[in-house]
Amino acid sequence: MEEMENVMNNLTKAIDRNLSDLLKAKDLNERKLLSDIVKSLCESMGVFFNAMEMESMGWFGDGEEDDITF
């Protein structure tokens, strides 16, 4: 879990850094590139939020794949 927290912290820092750069960017192409980077980083963070939610619901834990029912 600590490893996931480190990844989340690094993603947050990267998002903040790129948002700051985006606010300073004057060139339209640079703004587009930075906005795409921020979007990808936010989507990546969403993957980790979903994984943490699934873990809290007990979907990851005992290693028994047959326990999952839909």
PDB file of N, CA and C in Angstrom:
ATOM      1  N   MET A   1       0.821  -1.196   0.000  1.00  0.00           N
ATOM      2  CA  MET A   1       0.000   0.000   0.000  1.00  0.00           C
ATOM      3  C   MET A   1       0.866   1.262   0.000  1.00  0.00           C
ATOM      4  N   GLU A   2       2.009   1.189   0.672  1.00  0.00           N
ATOM      5  CA  GLU A   2       2.898   2.343   0.709  1.00  0.00           C
ATOM      6  C   GLU A   2       3.415   2.678  -0.693  1.00  0.00           C
ATOM      7  N   GLU A   3       3.654   1.644  -1.481  1.00  0.00           N
ATOM      8  CA  GLU A   3       4.123   1.847  -2.850  1.00  0.00           C
ATOM      9  C   GLU A   3       3.068   2.591  -3.676  1.00  0.00           C
ATOM     10  N   MET A   4       1.794   2.237  -3.467  1.00  0.00           N
ATOM     11  CA  MET A   4       0.714   2.902  -4.181  1.00  0.00           C
ATOM     12  C   MET A   4       0.626   4.374  -3.759  1.00  0.00           C
ATOM     13  N   GLU A   5       0.853   4.641  -2.479  1.00  0.00           N
ATOM     14  CA  GLU A   5       0.841   6.023  -2.001  1.00  0.00           C
ATOM     15  C   GLU A   5       1.957   6.831  -2.647  1.00  0.00           C
ATOM     16  N   ASN A   6       3.140   6.219  -2.798  1.00  0.00           N
ATOM     17  CA  ASN A   6       4.255   6.907  -3.449  1.00  0.00           C
ATOM     18  C   ASN A   6       3.926   7.234  -4.898  1.00  0.00           C
ATOM     19  N   VAL A   7       3.310   6.294  -5.588  1.00  0.00           N
ATOM     20  CA  VAL A   7       2.919   6.526  -6.978  1.00  0.00           C
ATOM     21  C   VAL A   7       1.908   7.668  -7.050  1.00  0.00           C
ATOM     22  N   MET A   8       0.923   7.645  -6.154  1.00  0.00           N
ATOM     23  CA  MET A   8      -0.103   8.701  -6.134  1.00  0.00           C
ATOM     24  C   MET A   8       0.530  10.063  -5.855  1.00  0.00           C
ATOM     25  N   ASN A   9       1.465  10.110  -4.902  1.00  0.00           N
ATOM     26  CA  ASN A   9       2.148  11.373  -4.596  1.00  0.00           C
ATOM     27  C   ASN A   9       2.936  11.878  -5.794  1.00  0.00           C
ATOM     28  N   ASN A  10       3.627  10.977  -6.475  1.00  0.00           N
ATOM     29  CA  ASN A  10       4.392  11.376  -7.662  1.00  0.00           C
ATOM     30  C   ASN A  10       3.477  11.836  -8.794  1.00  0.00           C
ATOM     31  N   LEU A  11       2.348  11.165  -8.968  1.00  0.00           N
ATOM     32  CA  LEU A  11       1.386  11.602  -9.988  1.00  0.00           C
ATOM     33  C   LEU A  11       0.849  12.991  -9.662  1.00  0.00           C
ATOM     34  N   THR A  12       0.543  13.222  -8.395  1.00  0.00           N
ATOM     35  CA  THR A  12       0.030  14.529  -7.973  1.00  0.00           C
ATOM     36  C   THR A  12       1.050  15.623  -8.247  1.00  0.00           C
ATOM     37  N   LYS A  13       2.307  15.362  -7.922  1.00  0.00           N
ATOM     38  CA  LYS A  13       3.370  16.344  -8.180  1.00  0.00           C
ATOM     39  C   LYS A  13       3.518  16.607  -9.677  1.00  0.00           C
ATOM     40  N   ALA A  14       3.445  15.559 -10.476  1.00  0.00           N
ATOM     41  CA  ALA A  14       3.572  15.715 -11.928  1.00  0.00           C
ATOM     42  C   ALA A  14       2.400  16.517 -12.488  1.00  0.00           C
ATOM     43  N   ILE A  15       1.202  16.274 -11.984  1.00  0.00           N
ATOM     44  CA  ILE A  15       0.032  17.032 -12.429  1.00  0.00           C
ATOM     45  C   ILE A  15       0.203  18.501 -12.063  1.00  0.00           C
ATOM     46  N   ASP A  16       0.595  18.772 -10.828  1.00  0.00           N
ATOM     47  CA  ASP A  16       0.801  20.162 -10.393  1.00  0.00           C
ATOM     48  C   ASP A  16       1.853  20.871 -11.246  1.00  0.00           C
ATOM     49  N   ARG A  17       2.960  20.176 -11.496  1.00  0.00           N
ATOM     50  CA  ARG A  17       4.049  20.756 -12.281  1.00  0.00           C
ATOM     51  C   ARG A  17       3.585  21.085 -13.701  1.00  0.00           C
ATOM     52  N   ASN A  18       2.873  20.149 -14.323  1.00  0.00           N
ATOM     53  CA  ASN A  18       2.413  20.363 -15.695  1.00  0.00           C
ATOM     54  C   ASN A  18       1.316  21.409 -15.772  1.00  0.00           C
ATOM     55  N   LEU A  19       0.468  21.490 -14.748  1.00  0.00           N
ATOM     56  CA  LEU A  19      -0.545  22.553 -14.725  1.00  0.00           C
ATOM     57  C   LEU A  19       0.110  23.924 -14.607  1.00  0.00           C
ATOM     58  N   SER A  20       1.145  24.024 -13.789  1.00  0.00           N
ATOM     59  CA  SER A  20       1.877  25.287 -13.675  1.00  0.00           C
ATOM     60  C   SER A  20       2.493  25.681 -15.006  1.00  0.00           C
ATOM     61  N   ASP A  21       3.106  24.703 -15.661  1.00  0.00           N
ATOM     62  CA  ASP A  21       3.691  24.967 -16.982  1.00  0.00           C
ATOM     63  C   ASP A  21       2.618  25.362 -17.995  1.00  0.00           C
ATOM     64  N   LEU A  22       1.458  24.728 -17.897  1.00  0.00           N
ATOM     65  CA  LEU A  22       0.352  25.037 -18.806  1.00  0.00           C
ATOM     66  C   LEU A  22      -0.110  26.483 -18.633  1.00  0.00           C
ATOM     67  N   LEU A  23      -0.181  26.931 -17.401  1.00  0.00           N
ATOM     68  CA  LEU A  23      -0.610  28.313 -17.151  1.00  0.00           C
ATOM     69  C   LEU A  23       0.387  29.324 -17.693  1.00  0.00           C
ATOM     70  N   LYS A  24       1.650  28.957 -17.760  1.00  0.00           N
ATOM     71  CA  LYS A  24       2.695  29.863 -18.246  1.00  0.00           C
ATOM     72  C   LYS A  24       2.872  29.802 -19.759  1.00  0.00           C
ATOM     73  N   ALA A  25       2.393  28.747 -20.379  1.00  0.00           N
ATOM     74  CA  ALA A  25       2.630  28.534 -21.812  1.00  0.00           C
ATOM     75  C   ALA A  25       1.894  29.572 -22.648  1.00  0.00           C
ATOM     76  N   LYS A  26       2.580  30.081 -23.634  1.00  0.00           N
ATOM     77  CA  LYS A  26       2.003  31.070 -24.554  1.00  0.00           C
ATOM     78  C   LYS A  26       1.630  30.435 -25.896  1.00  0.00           C
ATOM     79  N   ASP A  27       2.436  29.494 -26.330  1.00  0.00           N
ATOM     80  CA  ASP A  27       2.262  28.853 -27.627  1.00  0.00           C
ATOM     81  C   ASP A  27       1.099  27.859 -27.575  1.00  0.00           C
ATOM     82  N   LEU A  28       0.236  27.910 -28.566  1.00  0.00           N
ATOM     83  CA  LEU A  28      -0.938  27.041 -28.618  1.00  0.00           C
ATOM     84  C   LEU A  28      -0.554  25.562 -28.675  1.00  0.00           C
ATOM     85  N   ASN A  29       0.471  25.230 -29.456  1.00  0.00           N
ATOM     86  CA  ASN A  29       0.907  23.837 -29.544  1.00  0.00           C
ATOM     87  C   ASN A  29       1.432  23.322 -28.209  1.00  0.00           C
ATOM     88  N   GLU A  30       2.163  24.162 -27.498  1.00  0.00           N
ATOM     89  CA  GLU A  30       2.678  23.782 -26.180  1.00  0.00           C
ATOM     90  C   GLU A  30       1.532  23.590 -25.185  1.00  0.00           C
ATOM     91  N   ARG A  31       0.538  24.475 -25.259  1.00  0.00           N
ATOM     92  CA  ARG A  31      -0.626  24.352 -24.369  1.00  0.00           C
ATOM     93  C   ARG A  31      -1.384  23.056 -24.641  1.00  0.00           C
ATOM     94  N   LYS A  32      -1.518  22.698 -25.900  1.00  0.00           N
ATOM     95  CA  LYS A  32      -2.202  21.457 -26.276  1.00  0.00           C
ATOM     96  C   LYS A  32      -1.434  20.253 -25.747  1.00  0.00           C
ATOM     97  N   LEU A  33      -0.124  20.256 -25.942  1.00  0.00           N
ATOM     98  CA  LEU A  33       0.712  19.153 -25.471  1.00  0.00           C
ATOM     99  C   LEU A  33       0.613  19.009 -23.951  1.00  0.00           C
ATOM    100  N   LEU A  34       0.722  20.119 -23.242  1.00  0.00           N
ATOM    101  CA  LEU A  34       0.657  20.073 -21.783  1.00  0.00           C
ATOM    102  C   LEU A  34      -0.726  19.652 -21.289  1.00  0.00           C
ATOM    103  N   SER A  35      -1.774  20.094 -21.977  1.00  0.00           N
ATOM    104  CA  SER A  35      -3.115  19.679 -21.559  1.00  0.00           C
ATOM    105  C   SER A  35      -3.319  18.185 -21.792  1.00  0.00           C
ATOM    106  N   ASP A  36      -2.743  17.644 -22.853  1.00  0.00           N
ATOM    107  CA  ASP A  36      -2.813  16.200 -23.096  1.00  0.00           C
ATOM    108  C   ASP A  36      -2.050  15.424 -22.013  1.00  0.00           C
ATOM    109  N   ILE A  37      -0.911  15.964 -21.599  1.00  0.00           N
ATOM    110  CA  ILE A  37      -0.129  15.327 -20.538  1.00  0.00           C
ATOM    111  C   ILE A  37      -0.914  15.323 -19.230  1.00  0.00           C
ATOM    112  N   VAL A  38      -1.513  16.472 -18.885  1.00  0.00           N
ATOM    113  CA  VAL A  38      -2.298  16.569 -17.650  1.00  0.00           C
ATOM    114  C   VAL A  38      -3.474  15.597 -17.701  1.00  0.00           C
ATOM    115  N   LYS A  39      -4.130  15.519 -18.840  1.00  0.00           N
ATOM    116  CA  LYS A  39      -5.265  14.605 -18.989  1.00  0.00           C
ATOM    117  C   LYS A  39      -4.825  13.158 -18.776  1.00  0.00           C
ATOM    118  N   SER A  40      -3.709  12.776 -19.369  1.00  0.00           N
ATOM    119  CA  SER A  40      -3.200  11.406 -19.217  1.00  0.00           C
ATOM    120  C   SER A  40      -2.812  11.110 -17.768  1.00  0.00           C
ATOM    121  N   LEU A  41      -2.181  12.069 -17.119  1.00  0.00           N
ATOM    122  CA  LEU A  41      -1.808  11.877 -15.720  1.00  0.00           C
ATOM    123  C   LEU A  41      -3.039  11.730 -14.830  1.00  0.00           C
ATOM    124  N   CYS A  42      -4.071  12.533 -15.094  1.00  0.00           N
ATOM    125  CA  CYS A  42      -5.309  12.441 -14.310  1.00  0.00           C
ATOM    126  C   CYS A  42      -6.010  11.103 -14.546  1.00  0.00           C
ATOM    127  N   GLU A  43      -6.002  10.638 -15.773  1.00  0.00           N
ATOM    128  CA  GLU A  43      -6.593   9.333 -16.069  1.00  0.00           C
ATOM    129  C   GLU A  43      -5.813   8.226 -15.367  1.00  0.00           C
ATOM    130  N   SER A  44      -4.497   8.357 -15.324  1.00  0.00           N
ATOM    131  CA  SER A  44      -3.672   7.380 -14.615  1.00  0.00           C
ATOM    132  C   SER A  44      -4.001   7.383 -13.127  1.00  0.00           C
ATOM    133  N   MET A  45      -4.191   8.557 -12.571  1.00  0.00           N
ATOM    134  CA  MET A  45      -4.549   8.645 -11.161  1.00  0.00           C
ATOM    135  C   MET A  45      -5.903   7.979 -10.915  1.00  0.00           C
ATOM    136  N   GLY A  46      -6.817   8.122 -11.857  1.00  0.00           N
ATOM    137  CA  GLY A  46      -8.121   7.479 -11.742  1.00  0.00           C
ATOM    138  C   GLY A  46      -8.010   5.968 -11.682  1.00  0.00           C
ATOM    139  N   VAL A  47      -7.047   5.410 -12.414  1.00  0.00           N
ATOM    140  CA  VAL A  47      -6.823   3.965 -12.379  1.00  0.00           C
ATOM    141  C   VAL A  47      -6.444   3.541 -10.965  1.00  0.00           C
ATOM    142  N   PHE A  48      -5.580   4.313 -10.314  1.00  0.00           N
ATOM    143  CA  PHE A  48      -5.177   3.978  -8.954  1.00  0.00           C
ATOM    144  C   PHE A  48      -6.328   4.156  -7.965  1.00  0.00           C
ATOM    145  N   PHE A  49      -7.154   5.191  -8.161  1.00  0.00           N
ATOM    146  CA  PHE A  49      -8.325   5.358  -7.297  1.00  0.00           C
ATOM    147  C   PHE A  49      -9.258   4.158  -7.431  1.00  0.00           C
ATOM    148  N   ASN A  50      -9.469   3.709  -8.648  1.00  0.00           N
ATOM    149  CA  ASN A  50     -10.322   2.532  -8.864  1.00  0.00           C
ATOM    150  C   ASN A  50      -9.716   1.295  -8.216  1.00  0.00           C
ATOM    151  N   ALA A  51      -8.406   1.137  -8.321  1.00  0.00           N
ATOM    152  CA  ALA A  51      -7.748  -0.020  -7.714  1.00  0.00           C
ATOM    153  C   ALA A  51      -7.879   0.025  -6.197  1.00  0.00           C
ATOM    154  N   MET A  52      -7.723   1.214  -5.613  1.00  0.00           N
ATOM    155  CA  MET A  52      -7.862   1.334  -4.162  1.00  0.00           C
ATOM    156  C   MET A  52      -9.297   1.046  -3.734  1.00  0.00           C
ATOM    157  N   GLU A  53     -10.252   1.490  -4.525  1.00  0.00           N
ATOM    158  CA  GLU A  53     -11.655   1.220  -4.216  1.00  0.00           C
ATOM    159  C   GLU A  53     -11.934  -0.282  -4.274  1.00  0.00           C
ATOM    160  N   MET A  54     -11.417  -0.928  -5.312  1.00  0.00           N
ATOM    161  CA  MET A  54     -11.624  -2.372  -5.445  1.00  0.00           C
ATOM    162  C   MET A  54     -10.965  -3.120  -4.292  1.00  0.00           C
ATOM    163  N   GLU A  55      -9.786  -2.655  -3.886  1.00  0.00           N
ATOM    164  CA  GLU A  55      -9.095  -3.294  -2.769  1.00  0.00           C
ATOM    165  C   GLU A  55      -9.896  -3.130  -1.480  1.00  0.00           C
ATOM    166  N   SER A  56     -10.456  -1.943  -1.270  1.00  0.00           N
ATOM    167  CA  SER A  56     -11.235  -1.707  -0.049  1.00  0.00           C
ATOM    168  C   SER A  56     -12.525  -2.521  -0.041  1.00  0.00           C
ATOM    169  N   MET A  57     -13.000  -2.897  -1.219  1.00  0.00           N
ATOM    170  CA  MET A  57     -14.208  -3.717  -1.305  1.00  0.00           C
ATOM    171  C   MET A  57     -13.877  -5.206  -1.174  1.00  0.00           C
ATOM    172  N   GLY A  58     -12.596  -5.506  -1.034  1.00  0.00           N
ATOM    173  CA  GLY A  58     -12.184  -6.888  -0.846  1.00  0.00           C
ATOM    174  C   GLY A  58     -11.972  -7.665  -2.123  1.00  0.00           C
ATOM    175  N   TRP A  59     -11.850  -6.991  -3.255  1.00  0.00           N
ATOM    176  CA  TRP A  59     -11.656  -7.695  -4.526  1.00  0.00           C
ATOM    177  C   TRP A  59     -10.250  -8.230  -4.669  1.00  0.00           C
ATOM    178  N   PHE A  60      -9.304  -7.592  -3.988  1.00  0.00           N
ATOM    179  CA  PHE A  60      -7.925  -8.088  -3.989  1.00  0.00           C
ATOM    180  C   PHE A  60      -7.630  -8.480  -2.558  1.00  0.00           C
ATOM    181  N   GLY A  61      -7.162  -9.617  -2.321  1.00  0.00           N
ATOM    182  CA  GLY A  61      -6.850  -9.915  -0.945  1.00  0.00           C
ATOM    183  C   GLY A  61      -6.429 -11.335  -0.726  1.00  0.00           C
ATOM    184  N   ASP A  62      -7.323 -12.258  -0.984  1.00  0.00           N
ATOM    185  CA  ASP A  62      -6.993 -13.640  -0.677  1.00  0.00           C
ATOM    186  C   ASP A  62      -6.443 -14.407  -1.867  1.00  0.00           C
ATOM    187  N   GLY A  63      -6.418 -13.768  -3.021  1.00  0.00           N
ATOM    188  CA  GLY A  63      -5.866 -14.403  -4.206  1.00  0.00           C
ATOM    189  C   GLY A  63      -6.809 -15.394  -4.874  1.00  0.00           C
ATOM    190  N   GLU A  64      -8.012 -15.522  -4.383  1.00  0.00           N
ATOM    191  CA  GLU A  64      -8.975 -16.448  -4.956  1.00  0.00           C
ATOM    192  C   GLU A  64      -9.751 -15.737  -6.066  1.00  0.00           C
ATOM    193  N   GLU A  65      -9.446 -16.084  -7.294  1.00  0.00           N
ATOM    194  CA  GLU A  65     -10.103 -15.441  -8.434  1.00  0.00           C
ATOM    195  C   GLU A  65     -11.545 -15.861  -8.574  1.00  0.00           C
ATOM    196  N   ASP A  66     -11.906 -17.024  -8.060  1.00  0.00           N
ATOM    197  CA  ASP A  66     -13.257 -17.546  -8.210  1.00  0.00           C
ATOM    198  C   ASP A  66     -14.265 -16.836  -7.296  1.00  0.00           C
ATOM    199  N   ASP A  67     -13.774 -15.999  -6.351  1.00  0.00           N
ATOM    200  CA  ASP A  67     -14.666 -15.332  -5.406  1.00  0.00           C
ATOM    201  C   ASP A  67     -15.440 -14.183  -6.044  1.00  0.00           C
ATOM    202  N   ILE A  68     -14.980 -13.669  -7.167  1.00  0.00           N
ATOM    203  CA  ILE A  68     -15.607 -12.490  -7.773  1.00  0.00           C
ATOM    204  C   ILE A  68     -16.865 -12.907  -8.516  1.00  0.00           C
ATOM    205  N   THR A  69     -17.981 -12.292  -8.123  1.00  0.00           N
ATOM    206  CA  THR A  69     -19.250 -12.553  -8.804  1.00  0.00           C
ATOM    207  C   THR A  69     -19.821 -11.229  -9.270  1.00  0.00           C
ATOM    208  N   PHE A  70     -20.496 -11.270 -10.372  1.00  0.00           N
ATOM    209  CA  PHE A  70     -21.092 -10.047 -10.937  1.00  0.00           C
ATOM    210  C   PHE A  70     -22.575 -10.188 -11.013  1.00  0.00           C
TER     211      PHE A  70
END
